[in-house]
Protein backbone atom coordinates (compact mmCIF):
# COMPACT_ATOMS: atom_id res chain seq x y z
CA MET A 1 -18.57 -6.24 17.23
CA LEU A 2 -20.84 -7.86 14.65
CA ALA A 3 -21.56 -4.48 13.04
CA ALA A 4 -17.82 -3.81 12.71
CA TYR A 5 -17.32 -7.21 11.06
CA ASP A 6 -20.23 -6.56 8.67
CA ALA A 7 -18.77 -3.17 7.75
CA LYS A 8 -15.34 -4.72 7.13
CA LEU A 9 -16.88 -7.50 5.03
CA ALA A 10 -18.90 -4.97 3.00
CA ALA A 11 -15.76 -2.91 2.36
CA GLU A 12 -13.87 -6.01 1.21
CA ASP A 13 -16.75 -6.98 -1.09
CA GLU A 14 -16.82 -3.49 -2.61
CA GLU A 15 -13.05 -3.59 -3.19
CA ARG A 16 -13.35 -7.04 -4.79
CA ARG A 17 -16.11 -5.80 -7.13
CA ARG A 18 -13.96 -2.86 -8.19
CA LYS A 19 -10.94 -4.99 -9.11
CA ALA A 20 -10.66 -7.03 -12.29
CA ASP A 21 -9.67 -10.28 -10.63
CA GLY A 22 -12.87 -12.14 -9.84
CA PRO A 23 -13.14 -15.91 -9.40
CA GLY A 24 -12.37 -17.67 -12.64
CA GLY A 25 -10.31 -14.73 -13.82
CA ILE A 26 -11.30 -11.66 -15.75
CA ASP A 27 -11.48 -13.64 -18.99
CA ALA A 28 -14.21 -15.94 -17.65
CA ASP A 29 -16.95 -13.51 -18.72
CA SER A 30 -15.68 -12.14 -22.01
CA THR A 31 -14.45 -14.04 -25.04
CA TRP A 32 -13.13 -10.78 -26.50
CA VAL A 33 -11.03 -10.05 -23.40
CA ARG A 34 -9.66 -13.59 -23.46
CA GLU A 35 -8.91 -13.65 -27.19
CA MET A 36 -7.29 -10.21 -27.25
CA GLY A 37 -5.06 -11.03 -24.28
CA TRP A 38 -6.42 -8.18 -22.16
CA ALA A 39 -6.99 -10.47 -19.17
CA ARG A 40 -3.38 -10.30 -18.05
CA HIS A 41 -3.19 -6.57 -18.73
CA LEU A 42 -6.38 -5.73 -16.80
CA GLU A 43 -5.76 -8.05 -13.86
CA GLY A 44 -5.93 -6.17 -10.57
CA LYS A 45 -6.97 -2.88 -12.19
CA ASP A 46 -9.74 -0.72 -10.73
CA LEU A 47 -12.80 -1.21 -12.95
CA VAL A 48 -14.25 2.19 -12.04
CA VAL A 49 -11.07 3.94 -13.18
CA LEU A 50 -11.05 1.86 -16.39
CA HIS A 51 -14.67 2.82 -17.08
CA ASP A 52 -13.98 6.51 -16.50
CA ALA A 53 -10.98 6.36 -18.82
CA SER A 54 -13.06 4.68 -21.51
CA LEU A 55 -15.48 7.60 -21.70
CA GLY A 56 -13.00 9.64 -23.72
CA PRO A 57 -12.99 13.36 -24.33
CA LEU A 58 -16.09 15.55 -24.22
CA SER A 59 -17.95 16.51 -27.38
CA ARG A 60 -17.30 19.91 -28.92
CA ALA A 61 -20.72 21.22 -27.79
CA VAL A 62 -20.07 20.24 -24.18
CA LEU A 63 -16.53 21.59 -24.41
CA GLU A 64 -17.84 25.01 -25.47
CA ARG A 65 -20.02 25.14 -22.38
CA LEU A 66 -17.09 24.59 -20.05
CA ARG A 67 -16.08 27.76 -18.28
CA ASP A 68 -12.82 26.65 -16.74
CA ALA A 69 -9.90 27.37 -19.10
CA ALA A 70 -7.82 24.56 -17.62
CA SER A 71 -10.58 22.03 -18.25
CA LYS A 72 -10.95 23.25 -21.84
CA ASP A 73 -7.22 22.87 -22.44
CA GLU A 74 -7.19 19.40 -20.89
CA GLN A 75 -10.15 18.27 -23.01
CA GLN A 76 -8.55 19.68 -26.17
CA GLN A 77 -5.38 17.73 -25.42
CA LEU A 78 -7.42 14.56 -24.82
CA THR A 79 -9.27 15.11 -28.10
CA ARG A 80 -6.01 15.49 -30.03
CA LEU A 81 -4.65 12.38 -28.34
CA ALA A 82 -7.78 10.38 -29.18
CA GLU A 83 -7.62 11.57 -32.81
CA SER A 84 -3.97 10.53 -32.93
CA PHE A 85 -4.84 7.05 -31.65
CA ASP A 86 -7.61 6.78 -34.24
CA LYS A 87 -5.16 7.68 -37.04
CA ILE A 88 -2.63 5.10 -35.83
CA ARG A 89 -5.31 2.44 -35.45
CA HIS A 90 -6.61 3.19 -38.97
CA LYS A 91 -3.06 3.06 -40.37
CA ILE A 92 -2.35 -0.28 -38.69
CA LYS A 93 -5.67 -1.70 -39.86
CA TYR A 94 -4.90 -0.98 -43.51
CA THR A 95 -1.22 -2.01 -43.63
């Protein structure tokens, strides 16, 4: 019975660590997150998924080593999307 409770407690702790809603709020640790208003946007999101999404597309050298055609196509699309975001961000920065 105690082992089952410990396992449940460990699972709840792991889930709590993965979500961006710790005590004091997500903005308690980062001035940038607080100032940019990301705290509300990131609240309740899975931090592991956010980290994986932040890695971006693979480099061209790594892309050439991929054998799976579907993966190559997906990475090329992600690269074009990232380049598009960079262009928009640059345009907004200088307007």
